[in-house]
């Protein structure tokens, strides 16, 4: 999955969109959400193809269309422009693009976090501290870049101690094969393929920062407020599929594997480095944890440092992020990203 905002032109376009283009708040019956290929988001495609989404939408007298978009960044841009009512994205990209661009967005379903799917690999070295002085290839301004920053903190280094080279995910494997490239930061399945090389050592991965790279179905806050049936249908359908996955339903898992371009074994390997919240109770607990505000503070500081936290942001606290207990990180007068587990709580209590 291209979990990246490295394309400056795309980011600039998203941030410069007039707010009138964002999804308009109104009572309605037809909704569209989009998603892109990634291990934790494959259930969205299965929801559409299996008819589970239709079943839950029918229950609430609405229609929900789930659309796959091949380009991850483009999917977020289209959501930000109001073309979709919801979109799968990471917490970091939600803060930088829609929220940073002024589109009030709610984390409806916190689905998983990367627990080893993203990592740092060194060539012919075995310790993270040995990255000092090296040139590091990664997708700039992506979660790979964020992972690098967090990893460097653990060994007393900063980005000033090395040189970052922006490298497309499509070029990462070929780049590593060259003599000049000695360090890469990337995500699965590229991570596993590079790690299999005889001279490669994974020296840090996202398991070292658990709960920080979060994969979420984000929805337009005003649309959700005016249409709670939309949130209920999405949430109910999602957890029906989570039940299937938790039970090891091979029909469902094989369909997701094939849709993502791998086989059942390959998909299960990706799930092994993904902390899926198979039960709503797990997702509620995570959404209410004391660690989540700390994570979003890290993320906001990273985005501000890179100059991508909204146009003209004066500080990391430019965009307000609200949490389940009512607290806000950042500007309480500019809350544009909300972690609201109320719909997940309905699923947990069996009240959907």
Protein backbone atom coordinates (compact mmCIF):
# COMPACT_ATOMS: atom_id res chain seq x y z
CA UNK A 1 0.00 0.00 0.00
CA UNK A 2 1.29 3.46 -0.85
CA UNK A 3 0.84 4.96 2.60
CA UNK A 4 2.46 8.13 1.39
CA UNK A 5 1.98 11.83 0.90
CA UNK A 6 5.25 12.22 -0.94
CA UNK A 7 3.67 13.68 -4.06
CA UNK A 8 3.86 17.38 -3.26
CA UNK A 9 1.54 18.34 -6.07
CA UNK A 10 -1.17 16.01 -4.83
CA UNK A 11 -0.82 17.29 -1.29
CA UNK A 12 -0.90 20.90 -2.42
CA UNK A 13 -4.02 20.19 -4.44
CA UNK A 14 -5.73 18.59 -1.47
CA UNK A 15 -4.85 21.40 0.89
CA UNK A 16 -5.92 24.13 -1.50
CA UNK A 17 -9.39 22.70 -2.18
CA UNK A 18 -12.19 25.05 -1.14
CA UNK A 19 -14.14 23.70 1.80
CA UNK A 20 -17.33 23.95 -0.26
CA UNK A 21 -16.12 20.86 -2.08
CA UNK A 22 -16.15 18.75 1.08
CA UNK A 23 -19.05 16.41 1.65
CA UNK A 24 -22.09 18.54 2.43
CA UNK A 25 -23.94 17.81 5.65
CA UNK A 26 -27.44 16.58 4.86
CA UNK A 27 -29.81 13.74 5.53
CA UNK A 28 -29.49 11.26 2.68
CA UNK A 29 -29.78 7.59 1.82
CA UNK A 30 -26.93 6.96 -0.64
CA UNK A 31 -23.32 6.82 0.50
CA UNK A 32 -19.94 5.97 -0.99
CA UNK A 33 -16.70 5.00 0.74
CA UNK A 34 -13.37 4.18 -0.85
CA UNK A 35 -10.41 2.02 0.04
CA UNK A 36 -7.07 0.89 -1.37
CA UNK A 37 -5.06 -2.32 -1.25
CA UNK A 38 -3.48 -3.10 2.12
CA UNK A 39 -3.70 -6.14 4.38
CA UNK A 40 -5.92 -4.43 6.96
CA UNK A 41 -8.25 -2.93 4.39
CA UNK A 42 -8.97 -6.01 2.28
CA UNK A 43 -12.18 -6.61 4.29
CA UNK A 44 -13.72 -3.54 2.63
CA UNK A 45 -13.56 -5.19 -0.77
CA UNK A 46 -14.93 -8.41 0.65
CA UNK A 47 -17.79 -6.51 2.27
CA UNK A 48 -18.87 -5.23 -1.12
CA UNK A 49 -18.34 -8.45 -3.07
CA UNK A 50 -19.92 -10.79 -0.50
CA UNK A 51 -23.13 -8.81 -0.08
CA UNK A 52 -22.51 -8.28 3.65
CA UNK A 53 -22.45 -4.52 3.19
CA UNK A 54 -25.75 -4.61 1.29
CA UNK A 55 -27.35 -6.68 4.05
CA UNK A 56 -26.43 -4.12 6.70
CA UNK A 57 -27.31 -1.16 4.50
CA UNK A 58 -30.72 -2.70 3.81
CA UNK A 59 -31.25 -3.06 7.55
CA UNK A 60 -31.02 0.70 7.90
CA UNK A 61 -32.83 1.57 4.69
CA UNK A 62 -29.79 3.06 2.97
CA UNK A 63 -27.41 2.23 0.15
CA UNK A 64 -23.63 2.05 0.69
CA UNK A 65 -21.24 1.58 -2.21
CA UNK A 66 -17.67 0.54 -1.43
CA UNK A 67 -15.20 1.52 -4.16
CA UNK A 68 -11.60 0.39 -4.58
CA UNK A 69 -9.18 3.09 -5.75
CA UNK A 70 -5.76 1.89 -6.86
CA UNK A 71 -3.86 5.02 -5.87
CA UNK A 72 -3.89 5.48 -2.10
CA UNK A 73 -3.11 9.22 -2.11
CA UNK A 74 -5.72 9.82 -4.79
CA UNK A 75 -8.34 8.05 -2.67
CA UNK A 76 -7.68 10.48 0.18
CA UNK A 77 -7.74 13.45 -2.19
CA UNK A 78 -11.12 12.37 -3.56
CA UNK A 79 -12.50 11.96 -0.03
CA UNK A 80 -11.14 15.40 0.88
CA UNK A 81 -12.85 16.87 -2.18
CA UNK A 82 -16.19 15.40 -1.09
CA UNK A 83 -16.42 12.68 -3.71
CA UNK A 84 -16.69 10.04 -0.97
CA UNK A 85 -18.27 10.00 2.47
CA UNK A 86 -15.48 7.87 3.91
CA UNK A 87 -12.03 6.54 3.06
CA UNK A 88 -9.50 4.12 4.51
CA UNK A 89 -6.31 5.89 5.57
CA UNK A 90 -3.68 6.05 8.29
CA UNK A 91 -3.91 8.37 11.27
CA UNK A 92 -0.98 10.36 9.91
CA UNK A 93 -2.45 10.92 6.48
CA UNK A 94 -5.86 11.76 7.97
CA UNK A 95 -4.29 14.54 10.02
CA UNK A 96 -2.21 15.94 7.17
CA UNK A 97 -4.58 15.86 4.19
CA UNK A 98 -8.30 16.11 5.07
CA UNK A 99 -7.96 17.48 8.61
CA UNK A 100 -5.03 19.71 7.69
CA UNK A 101 -7.03 20.86 4.67
CA UNK A 102 -10.02 21.83 6.81
CA UNK A 103 -12.30 18.81 6.29
CA UNK A 104 -13.74 17.71 9.64
CA UNK A 105 -13.09 13.97 9.82
CA UNK A 106 -14.02 11.22 12.28
CA UNK A 107 -12.23 7.94 12.92
CA UNK A 108 -15.27 5.67 12.66
CA UNK A 109 -13.56 2.26 12.72
CA UNK A 110 -10.05 1.86 14.10
CA UNK A 111 -9.24 -1.40 12.33
CA UNK A 112 -5.62 -2.24 13.09
CA UNK A 113 -2.13 -0.98 13.57
CA UNK A 114 1.11 -1.98 11.91
CA UNK A 115 2.97 -4.39 14.19
CA UNK A 116 5.95 -5.23 12.03
CA UNK A 117 4.61 -4.44 8.55
CA UNK A 118 6.93 -1.42 8.29
CA UNK A 119 10.65 -1.66 8.91
CA UNK A 120 14.24 -0.47 8.45
CA UNK A 121 16.77 -2.70 6.68
CA UNK A 122 20.54 -2.21 6.64
CA UNK A 123 22.89 -3.82 4.14
CA UNK A 124 25.89 -5.60 5.70
CA UNK A 125 25.21 -4.04 9.12
CA UNK A 126 23.25 -5.46 12.04
CA UNK A 127 22.54 -2.63 14.49
CA UNK A 128 20.27 0.38 14.07
CA UNK A 129 22.95 2.78 15.38
CA UNK A 130 25.08 1.84 12.36
CA UNK A 131 22.69 3.79 10.16
CA UNK A 132 24.58 6.95 11.17
CA UNK A 133 26.20 8.60 8.15
CA UNK A 134 24.36 6.40 5.67
CA UNK A 135 22.07 7.33 2.81
CA UNK A 136 18.58 6.01 3.55
CA UNK A 137 16.12 5.28 0.74
CA UNK A 138 12.43 5.66 1.57
CA UNK A 139 9.17 7.18 0.38
CA UNK A 140 9.59 10.69 1.69
CA UNK A 141 6.86 12.11 3.97
CA UNK A 142 5.27 8.69 4.33
CA UNK A 143 4.82 6.49 7.38
CA UNK A 144 8.24 5.07 6.48
CA UNK A 145 9.69 8.53 7.08
CA UNK A 146 7.80 8.74 10.37
CA UNK A 147 9.05 5.28 11.39
CA UNK A 148 12.64 6.36 10.70
CA UNK A 149 12.25 9.45 12.87
CA UNK A 150 10.84 7.43 15.75
CA UNK A 151 13.54 4.76 15.39
CA UNK A 152 16.36 7.31 15.41
CA UNK A 153 15.03 8.66 18.71
CA UNK A 154 15.73 5.27 20.30
CA UNK A 155 19.46 5.43 19.55
CA UNK A 156 20.05 9.13 20.13
CA UNK A 157 20.24 10.08 16.46
CA UNK A 158 18.29 12.51 14.29
CA UNK A 159 17.73 12.87 10.57
CA UNK A 160 20.68 15.29 10.50
CA UNK A 161 22.92 12.27 11.13
CA UNK A 162 22.08 10.73 7.75
CA UNK A 163 20.85 11.53 4.25
CA UNK A 164 17.32 10.68 3.11
CA UNK A 165 16.73 9.87 -0.56
CA UNK A 166 13.13 9.89 -1.81
CA UNK A 167 12.51 6.55 -3.54
CA UNK A 168 9.24 5.28 -4.95
CA UNK A 169 7.92 2.08 -3.44
CA UNK A 170 7.83 0.70 -6.99
CA UNK A 171 11.60 1.22 -7.24
CA UNK A 172 12.61 0.11 -3.75
CA UNK A 173 13.60 -3.50 -4.49
CA UNK A 174 15.61 -2.51 -7.56
CA UNK A 175 17.28 0.28 -5.61
CA UNK A 176 18.34 -2.08 -2.82
CA UNK A 177 19.96 -4.35 -5.40
CA UNK A 178 22.41 -1.60 -6.36
CA UNK A 179 25.76 -1.21 -4.58
CA UNK A 180 25.08 2.42 -3.68
CA UNK A 181 21.99 1.72 -1.56
CA UNK A 182 22.87 0.58 1.95
CA UNK A 183 19.68 1.29 3.89
CA UNK A 184 15.97 1.26 3.11
CA UNK A 185 12.76 1.89 5.02
CA UNK A 186 9.65 0.31 3.54
CA UNK A 187 6.52 -1.76 4.19
CA UNK A 188 5.26 -5.22 3.35
CA UNK A 189 5.33 -7.03 1.03
CA UNK A 190 8.47 -5.15 -0.10
CA UNK A 191 9.95 -5.36 3.39
CA UNK A 192 9.82 -9.17 3.48
CA UNK A 193 11.26 -9.49 -0.01
CA UNK A 194 14.25 -7.26 0.75
CA UNK A 195 14.80 -8.84 4.16
CA UNK A 196 15.17 -12.21 2.44
CA UNK A 197 18.37 -11.00 0.76
CA UNK A 198 21.53 -12.57 2.31
CA UNK A 199 23.13 -9.22 3.16
CA UNK A 200 20.00 -7.67 4.67
CA UNK A 201 19.17 -7.21 8.36
CA UNK A 202 15.96 -5.69 9.65
CA UNK A 203 17.15 -3.49 12.51
CA UNK A 204 13.84 -1.87 13.50
CA UNK A 205 10.19 -2.30 12.65
CA UNK A 206 6.81 -0.92 13.64
CA UNK A 207 6.50 -3.47 16.44
CA UNK A 208 8.92 -1.12 18.21
CA UNK A 209 6.32 1.67 18.14
CA UNK A 210 3.12 -0.34 18.64
CA UNK A 211 -0.10 1.52 18.04
CA UNK A 212 1.43 4.47 16.19
CA UNK A 213 0.82 3.57 12.52
CA UNK A 214 -2.95 3.11 12.67
CA UNK A 215 -5.22 2.03 9.80
CA UNK A 216 -8.70 3.52 10.00
CA UNK A 217 -11.96 4.02 8.11
CA UNK A 218 -12.34 7.79 8.28
CA UNK A 219 -15.68 9.45 7.52
CA UNK A 220 -16.92 12.99 7.10
CA UNK A 221 -17.97 14.22 10.55
CA UNK A 222 -21.00 16.23 9.42
CA UNK A 223 -22.26 13.44 7.19
CA UNK A 224 -21.99 11.00 10.08
CA UNK A 225 -23.77 13.36 12.48
CA UNK A 226 -26.67 13.86 10.09
CA UNK A 227 -26.82 10.18 9.11
CA UNK A 228 -26.09 7.87 12.04
CA UNK A 229 -27.52 4.96 10.05
CA UNK A 230 -24.49 5.27 7.77
CA UNK A 231 -22.11 4.76 10.69
CA UNK A 232 -24.17 1.90 12.10
CA UNK A 233 -24.33 0.03 8.80
CA UNK A 234 -20.59 0.36 8.13
CA UNK A 235 -19.68 -0.68 11.65
CA UNK A 236 -22.05 -3.63 11.77
CA UNK A 237 -20.87 -4.94 8.42
CA UNK A 238 -17.20 -4.54 9.36
CA UNK A 239 -17.48 -6.58 12.53
CA UNK A 240 -19.40 -9.32 10.79
CA UNK A 241 -16.34 -9.78 8.57
CA UNK A 242 -14.03 -9.47 11.58
CA UNK A 243 -15.88 -12.42 13.11
CA UNK A 244 -15.24 -14.45 9.96
CA UNK A 245 -11.55 -13.58 9.98
CA UNK A 246 -11.16 -14.34 13.68
CA UNK A 247 -12.75 -17.76 13.06
CA UNK A 248 -10.26 -18.42 10.25
CA UNK A 249 -12.96 -18.56 7.57
CA UNK A 250 -10.88 -19.66 4.58
CA UNK A 251 -13.45 -18.61 2.00
CA UNK A 252 -13.30 -15.02 3.21
CA UNK A 253 -9.54 -15.01 3.78
CA UNK A 254 -8.79 -16.58 0.39
CA UNK A 255 -10.96 -13.99 -1.36
CA UNK A 256 -9.07 -11.19 0.40
CA UNK A 257 -5.73 -12.81 -0.40
CA UNK A 258 -6.52 -13.13 -4.10
CA UNK A 259 -7.83 -9.56 -4.27
CA UNK A 260 -4.54 -8.34 -2.81
CA UNK A 261 -2.44 -10.33 -5.30
CA UNK A 262 -1.23 -13.12 -3.04
CA UNK A 263 -2.32 -16.54 -1.82
CA UNK A 264 -3.82 -17.58 1.50
CA UNK A 265 -0.43 -18.27 3.09
CA UNK A 266 0.92 -14.94 1.91
CA UNK A 267 -2.07 -13.06 3.28
CA UNK A 268 -1.84 -14.84 6.62
CA UNK A 269 1.85 -13.86 6.80
CA UNK A 270 0.87 -10.22 6.36
CA UNK A 271 -1.82 -10.55 9.02
CA UNK A 272 0.83 -11.90 11.40
CA UNK A 273 2.56 -8.50 11.43
CA UNK A 274 -0.72 -6.59 11.67
CA UNK A 275 -2.52 -6.08 14.96
CA UNK A 276 -6.10 -6.47 13.81
CA UNK A 277 -8.84 -5.46 16.23
CA UNK A 278 -11.10 -8.40 15.52
CA UNK A 279 -13.54 -7.48 18.30
CA UNK A 280 -15.13 -4.08 18.84
CA UNK A 281 -14.15 -4.27 22.51
CA UNK A 282 -10.47 -4.29 21.49
CA UNK A 283 -10.98 -1.29 19.23
CA UNK A 284 -12.83 0.61 21.97
CA UNK A 285 -10.04 -0.07 24.46
CA UNK A 286 -7.42 1.14 21.98
CA UNK A 287 -9.45 4.25 21.07
CA UNK A 288 -9.77 5.18 24.75
CA UNK A 289 -6.16 4.42 25.68
CA UNK A 290 -3.93 7.06 27.22
CA UNK A 291 -1.35 6.28 24.54
CA UNK A 292 -3.44 7.51 21.59
CA UNK A 293 -3.15 11.25 22.39
CA UNK A 294 0.60 10.80 22.82
CA UNK A 295 0.80 9.12 19.43
CA UNK A 296 -1.11 11.91 17.72
CA UNK A 297 1.20 14.45 19.35
CA UNK A 298 4.20 12.60 17.87
CA UNK A 299 2.47 12.56 14.48
CA UNK A 300 1.54 16.24 14.57
CA UNK A 301 5.10 17.22 15.50
CA UNK A 302 6.50 15.13 12.66
CA UNK A 303 4.09 16.65 10.13
CA UNK A 304 4.81 20.17 11.33
CA UNK A 305 8.55 19.56 11.19
CA UNK A 306 8.16 18.48 7.55
CA UNK A 307 5.95 21.45 6.70
CA UNK A 308 2.87 19.42 5.83
CA UNK A 309 0.43 20.09 8.68
CA UNK A 310 -1.94 22.34 6.81
CA UNK A 311 -1.15 25.45 4.84
CA UNK A 312 0.60 28.05 6.97
CA UNK A 313 0.42 26.00 10.19
CA UNK A 314 2.17 28.05 12.90
CA UNK A 315 2.78 25.10 15.24
CA UNK A 316 2.19 21.35 15.65
CA UNK A 317 -1.02 22.28 17.50
CA UNK A 318 -2.56 24.00 14.48
CA UNK A 319 -5.17 21.26 13.96
CA UNK A 320 -7.21 20.12 16.96
CA UNK A 321 -7.58 16.37 17.52
CA UNK A 322 -10.32 15.28 19.92
CA UNK A 323 -10.47 12.02 21.85
CA UNK A 324 -13.09 9.83 23.48
CA UNK A 325 -12.77 11.49 26.88
CA UNK A 326 -13.40 14.94 25.43
CA UNK A 327 -9.80 16.11 25.64
CA UNK A 328 -8.21 17.86 22.68
CA UNK A 329 -4.64 17.94 21.46
CA UNK A 330 -3.98 21.12 19.55
CA UNK A 331 -6.35 24.01 18.85
CA UNK A 332 -9.75 23.37 20.45
CA UNK A 333 -11.20 26.00 18.12
CA UNK A 334 -9.96 24.12 15.05
CA UNK A 335 -10.85 20.49 15.79
CA UNK A 336 -10.79 18.66 12.46
CA UNK A 337 -9.91 15.10 13.48
CA UNK A 338 -12.01 13.16 15.97
CA UNK A 339 -11.52 9.76 17.58
CA UNK A 340 -15.10 8.86 18.50
CA UNK A 341 -15.62 5.19 19.42
CA UNK A 342 -19.37 5.53 20.00
CA UNK A 343 -20.32 3.39 16.98
CA UNK A 344 -17.76 0.73 17.91
CA UNK A 345 -19.25 0.76 21.41
CA UNK A 346 -22.65 0.01 19.90
CA UNK A 347 -21.13 -3.00 18.17
CA UNK A 348 -19.50 -4.11 21.41
CA UNK A 349 -22.79 -3.91 23.29
CA UNK A 350 -24.72 -5.68 20.52
CA UNK A 351 -26.96 -2.66 19.97
CA UNK A 352 -26.47 -2.16 16.24
